[in-house]
Amino acid sequence: MEESEKYRDIPADALARLDRTSDRYVFTSDLSVNEFVLVDDAGFEPLGLVMGSSIYHIGYQAAQWSQNQEMTVLSQAMYNARELAMTRMEEEADALKADGVIGVRLEVKHAEWGQHLAEFIAIGTAVRSKDGASHRTIKDKPFTSDLSGQDFWTLMKTGWRPVSLVMGSCVYHIAHQSMMATLRQVGQNRELTVYTQGLYDARELAMERMQSEGAELRAAGIVGVHLHENHHQWGAHVVEFFAVGTSVVKFGPSSLQAPGLVLPLNDPIGWGG
């Protein structure tokens, strides 16, 4: 397959920026200095900042006023748009011949030129193993991780490695209470079971979908899990729960040394007597 066909979704300017054979090529990275040093110590070199974008029209779905229910049209839209952004970021990493992408950030920005339009962005630093070992997934894609450089170093030193950023999304309509139900609870302490069950179900669906992605990639577990809650522009009773984390697998024994006591040489508190 021709390179132009393989990377047809990548803009020409991006391909030029990622061309490591060019005389103008220098690596780019959003890693801090400390992260850069630790990633290098973990055995990886940064190749370049990679990104993917998808501007997506999010459809409409009506919900029953008094019923808890998943908004499946919206759930699918939010997942597909993020997946498109992630895939394009991975394509840029492939163009750099990278083993993986670390420090991945997923952002959603609502466009001002349309109420139902949003831009989904994935961005991270592509890296390559300095010893030539492959760290790609079972689907032959670069590994992805939202861990910081410090956490990535710690993970690798303890014999674990990232497999992929995994995610699950659930957009859910929380039922409205009737006027009589609202009046009956005035001045009382009581659980609002409809709200409790709706939010519980929505979180569970998001978590279950994230876990299924990890299992599909044969990961042993998922670390650094975050569960985000956002209403976006849908109103108070429609909420998205978005679960995301880094799936990991064990690849070797730990080489992390136990911490020890270190005393400063200038002895500022007089421990030297």
Protein backbone atom coordinates (compact mmCIF):
# COMPACT_ATOMS: atom_id res chain seq x y z
CA MET A 1 0.00 0.00 0.00
CA GLU A 2 1.28 3.49 -0.91
CA GLU A 3 2.12 5.81 1.99
CA SER A 4 -0.30 8.42 0.63
CA GLU A 5 -3.11 5.83 0.65
CA LYS A 6 -2.19 4.39 4.05
CA TYR A 7 -2.25 7.82 5.72
CA ARG A 8 -5.03 9.40 3.67
CA ASP A 9 -6.73 10.83 6.77
CA ILE A 10 -3.61 12.75 7.82
CA PRO A 11 -3.30 16.30 6.37
CA ALA A 12 -0.33 16.88 4.05
CA ASP A 13 1.15 19.48 6.42
CA ALA A 14 1.03 16.97 9.27
CA LEU A 15 2.79 14.34 7.18
CA ALA A 16 5.49 16.88 6.35
CA ARG A 17 5.89 17.69 10.06
CA LEU A 18 6.19 13.99 10.87
CA ASP A 19 8.74 13.24 8.14
CA ARG A 20 11.80 12.10 10.08
CA THR A 21 13.93 12.06 6.91
CA SER A 22 13.55 15.80 6.47
CA ASP A 23 16.45 18.13 7.33
CA ARG A 24 14.00 20.28 9.28
CA TYR A 25 12.76 17.44 11.49
CA VAL A 26 13.10 17.83 15.28
CA PHE A 27 11.02 15.88 17.76
CA THR A 28 8.19 17.69 19.55
CA SER A 29 6.62 16.74 22.87
CA ASP A 30 4.24 18.03 25.51
CA LEU A 31 6.19 16.18 28.22
CA SER A 32 7.57 18.25 31.06
CA VAL A 33 11.34 18.18 31.64
CA ASN A 34 10.94 15.68 34.49
CA GLU A 35 8.67 13.47 32.37
CA PHE A 36 11.08 13.62 29.44
CA VAL A 37 14.00 12.47 31.60
CA LEU A 38 12.01 9.63 33.20
CA VAL A 39 10.61 8.38 29.88
CA ASP A 40 14.19 8.30 28.55
CA ASP A 41 15.30 6.38 31.64
CA ALA A 42 12.44 3.90 31.07
CA GLY A 43 14.01 3.08 27.70
CA PHE A 44 11.94 5.17 25.29
CA GLU A 45 12.73 8.14 23.08
CA PRO A 46 10.13 10.74 22.06
CA LEU A 47 9.47 11.01 18.34
CA GLY A 48 6.89 13.74 18.08
CA LEU A 49 3.60 15.22 19.22
CA VAL A 50 0.74 13.39 17.51
CA MET A 51 -2.90 14.31 17.35
CA GLY A 52 -6.25 13.38 15.90
CA SER A 53 -9.42 15.39 15.45
CA SER A 54 -13.05 14.76 14.56
CA ILE A 55 -15.79 17.38 14.26
CA TYR A 56 -18.99 15.47 14.80
CA HIS A 57 -22.67 16.27 14.49
CA ILE A 58 -24.44 14.78 17.49
CA GLY A 59 -27.94 13.65 16.64
CA TYR A 60 -31.20 14.15 18.52
CA GLN A 61 -33.07 11.61 20.62
CA ALA A 62 -36.29 12.16 22.52
CA ALA A 63 -36.67 10.80 26.05
CA GLN A 64 -39.71 9.97 28.12
CA TRP A 65 -40.18 12.59 30.82
CA SER A 66 -40.68 10.21 33.75
CA GLN A 67 -38.36 7.34 32.71
CA ASN A 68 -34.71 6.53 33.33
CA GLN A 69 -33.21 5.43 30.02
CA GLU A 70 -29.97 5.41 28.08
CA MET A 71 -29.83 7.80 25.13
CA THR A 72 -28.28 5.24 22.81
CA VAL A 73 -28.05 7.60 19.81
CA LEU A 74 -26.04 10.08 21.89
CA SER A 75 -23.91 7.37 23.55
CA GLN A 76 -22.92 5.99 20.15
CA ALA A 77 -22.12 9.44 18.79
CA MET A 78 -19.85 10.34 21.70
CA TYR A 79 -18.02 7.02 21.46
CA ASN A 80 -17.62 7.07 17.67
CA ALA A 81 -16.31 10.63 17.63
CA ARG A 82 -13.66 9.89 20.26
CA GLU A 83 -12.70 6.68 18.45
CA LEU A 84 -12.18 8.61 15.20
CA ALA A 85 -9.90 11.10 16.97
CA MET A 86 -7.94 8.29 18.64
CA THR A 87 -7.56 6.38 15.35
CA ARG A 88 -6.16 9.44 13.57
CA MET A 89 -3.72 10.06 16.41
CA GLU A 90 -2.57 6.44 16.13
CA GLU A 91 -2.12 6.90 12.37
CA GLU A 92 0.22 9.84 13.01
CA ALA A 93 2.14 7.66 15.48
CA ASP A 94 2.35 4.94 12.80
CA ALA A 95 3.77 7.49 10.37
CA LEU A 96 6.58 8.07 12.89
CA LYS A 97 7.12 4.29 13.28
CA ALA A 98 6.31 4.70 16.98
CA ASP A 99 5.75 1.91 19.50
CA GLY A 100 3.24 3.91 21.48
CA VAL A 101 1.74 7.23 22.56
CA ILE A 102 1.97 8.46 26.15
CA GLY A 103 0.33 11.30 28.05
CA VAL A 104 -2.79 11.06 25.86
CA ARG A 105 -5.41 13.73 26.44
CA LEU A 106 -8.98 13.46 25.16
CA GLU A 107 -10.87 16.75 24.90
CA VAL A 108 -14.32 17.77 23.73
CA LYS A 109 -14.94 21.33 22.54
CA HIS A 110 -18.39 22.47 21.51
CA ALA A 111 -18.32 24.48 18.30
CA GLU A 112 -19.89 27.92 18.29
CA TRP A 113 -21.16 27.56 14.72
CA GLY A 114 -23.70 24.86 15.58
CA GLN A 115 -25.56 23.72 18.71
CA HIS A 116 -25.12 20.02 17.94
CA LEU A 117 -21.51 20.19 16.71
CA ALA A 118 -18.49 19.27 18.81
CA GLU A 119 -14.79 18.77 18.11
CA PHE A 120 -13.18 15.71 19.66
CA ILE A 121 -9.39 15.92 20.01
CA ALA A 122 -6.82 13.28 20.99
CA ILE A 123 -3.23 14.41 21.55
CA GLY A 124 -0.10 12.79 23.05
CA THR A 125 3.62 12.16 22.57
CA ALA A 126 4.67 9.30 20.29
CA VAL A 127 7.60 7.25 21.64
CA ARG A 128 9.81 4.39 20.45
CA SER A 129 11.64 1.74 22.43
CA LYS A 130 15.40 2.28 22.35
CA ASP A 131 16.15 -1.46 22.47
CA GLY A 132 14.04 -2.23 19.41
CA ALA A 133 11.50 -4.34 21.33
CA SER A 134 7.94 -4.08 20.07
CA HIS A 135 5.28 -2.84 22.48
CA ARG A 136 2.38 -2.71 20.03
CA THR A 137 -1.05 -4.17 20.77
CA ILE A 138 -2.41 -7.53 19.57
CA LYS A 139 -4.14 -5.50 16.83
CA ASP A 140 -0.72 -4.21 15.70
CA LYS A 141 -1.45 -0.66 16.80
CA PRO A 142 0.81 1.58 18.92
CA PHE A 143 0.09 1.33 22.63
CA THR A 144 -1.68 4.37 24.09
CA SER A 145 -1.72 5.63 27.65
CA ASP A 146 -2.95 8.70 29.55
CA LEU A 147 -0.45 8.12 32.37
CA SER A 148 2.03 10.89 33.19
CA GLY A 149 5.71 10.41 32.42
CA GLN A 150 6.36 9.68 36.10
CA ASP A 151 3.62 7.04 36.26
CA PHE A 152 4.77 5.52 32.98
CA TRP A 153 8.32 5.17 34.37
CA THR A 154 7.04 3.56 37.57
CA LEU A 155 4.81 1.15 35.63
CA MET A 156 7.68 0.01 33.37
CA LYS A 157 10.12 -0.36 36.27
CA THR A 158 7.71 -2.66 38.12
CA GLY A 159 7.42 -5.03 35.14
CA TRP A 160 4.12 -3.78 33.76
CA ARG A 161 3.51 -2.00 30.47
CA PRO A 162 0.58 -0.11 28.96
CA VAL A 163 -1.54 -1.80 26.32
CA SER A 164 -4.11 0.80 25.30
CA LEU A 165 -6.24 3.66 26.46
CA VAL A 166 -9.66 2.11 26.99
CA MET A 167 -12.92 3.93 27.40
CA GLY A 168 -16.65 3.57 27.89
CA SER A 169 -19.41 6.10 27.38
CA CYS A 170 -23.02 6.25 28.46
CA VAL A 171 -25.39 9.17 27.87
CA TYR A 172 -28.36 8.77 30.15
CA HIS A 173 -31.68 10.52 30.74
CA ILE A 174 -32.55 10.88 34.42
CA ALA A 175 -36.31 10.81 34.98
CA HIS A 176 -38.15 13.91 36.17
CA GLN A 177 -40.27 13.75 39.31
CA SER A 178 -43.95 14.50 39.17
CA MET A 179 -45.27 17.59 40.95
CA MET A 180 -47.04 15.42 43.56
CA ALA A 181 -43.86 13.45 44.31
CA THR A 182 -41.95 16.71 44.75
CA LEU A 183 -44.54 18.10 47.12
CA ARG A 184 -44.64 14.90 49.21
CA GLN A 185 -40.93 15.14 50.02
CA VAL A 186 -40.90 18.79 51.06
CA GLY A 187 -39.34 19.08 54.51
CA GLN A 188 -38.42 15.37 54.66
CA ASN A 189 -35.18 13.43 54.61
CA ARG A 190 -35.62 10.70 52.03
CA GLU A 191 -33.65 9.07 49.27
CA LEU A 192 -34.64 9.95 45.72
CA THR A 193 -34.48 6.39 44.47
CA VAL A 194 -35.27 7.25 40.84
CA TYR A 195 -32.25 9.54 40.67
CA THR A 196 -30.04 7.11 42.59
CA GLN A 197 -30.86 4.20 40.32
CA GLY A 198 -30.49 6.24 37.14
CA LEU A 199 -27.05 7.57 38.00
CA TYR A 200 -25.92 4.17 39.29
CA ASP A 201 -27.01 2.40 36.11
CA ALA A 202 -25.35 5.00 33.86
CA ARG A 203 -22.00 4.78 35.67
CA GLU A 204 -22.10 0.98 35.57
CA LEU A 205 -22.71 0.95 31.81
CA ALA A 206 -19.75 3.26 31.20
CA MET A 207 -17.46 1.20 33.46
CA GLU A 208 -18.61 -2.11 31.92
CA ARG A 209 -17.86 -0.86 28.39
CA MET A 210 -14.41 0.31 29.38
CA GLN A 211 -13.68 -3.04 31.02
CA SER A 212 -14.87 -4.89 27.89
CA GLU A 213 -12.36 -2.95 25.76
CA GLY A 214 -9.56 -4.02 28.12
CA ALA A 215 -10.65 -7.66 27.99
CA GLU A 216 -10.76 -7.57 24.18
CA LEU A 217 -7.10 -6.49 24.16
CA ARG A 218 -6.20 -9.27 26.65
CA ALA A 219 -5.11 -6.81 29.31
CA ALA A 220 -4.67 -7.93 32.90
CA GLY A 221 -6.15 -4.77 34.38
CA ILE A 222 -6.84 -1.06 34.01
CA VAL A 223 -5.00 1.62 36.01
CA GLY A 224 -5.55 5.34 36.45
CA VAL A 225 -9.30 5.07 35.87
CA HIS A 226 -11.21 8.36 35.74
CA LEU A 227 -14.99 8.64 35.63
CA HIS A 228 -16.07 11.97 34.14
CA GLU A 229 -19.57 13.40 34.34
CA ASN A 230 -20.69 16.10 31.92
CA HIS A 231 -24.01 17.51 30.78
CA HIS A 232 -22.49 19.09 27.66
CA GLN A 233 -25.38 21.03 26.07
CA TRP A 234 -28.22 18.62 26.70
CA GLY A 235 -29.79 20.11 29.82
CA ALA A 236 -29.89 19.11 33.48
CA HIS A 237 -31.53 15.69 33.09
CA VAL A 238 -29.25 14.29 30.36
CA VAL A 239 -25.74 13.43 31.48
CA GLU A 240 -22.77 11.59 29.98
CA PHE A 241 -20.63 9.32 32.11
CA PHE A 242 -17.27 8.72 30.46
CA ALA A 243 -14.90 6.12 31.93
CA VAL A 244 -11.30 6.09 30.73
CA GLY A 245 -8.07 4.43 31.89
CA THR A 246 -4.90 2.67 30.75
CA SER A 247 -5.08 -1.09 30.31
CA VAL A 248 -1.87 -2.88 31.35
CA VAL A 249 -0.19 -6.26 31.12
CA LYS A 250 2.70 -7.87 33.01
CA PHE A 251 5.84 -8.39 30.93
CA GLY A 252 8.63 -9.06 33.43
CA PRO A 253 9.92 -8.84 37.00
CA SER A 254 10.15 -5.57 38.88
CA SER A 255 13.46 -3.71 38.81
CA LEU A 256 12.29 -0.96 41.13
CA GLN A 257 14.56 -0.50 44.13
CA ALA A 258 13.11 -0.05 47.60
CA PRO A 259 13.29 3.54 48.87
CA GLY A 260 16.01 4.35 51.36
CA LEU A 261 16.81 7.11 53.83
CA VAL A 262 18.90 9.93 52.37
CA LEU A 263 20.51 12.59 54.58
CA PRO A 264 21.61 15.94 53.14
CA LEU A 265 25.37 16.56 53.19
CA ASN A 266 25.02 20.09 54.56
CA ASP A 267 23.23 18.71 57.65
CA PRO A 268 20.83 21.66 58.10
CA ILE A 269 19.11 20.32 61.23
CA GLY A 270 22.19 19.25 63.14
CA TRP A 271 21.88 15.47 62.91
CA GLY A 272 25.65 15.26 62.68
CA GLY A 273 26.03 16.33 66.31
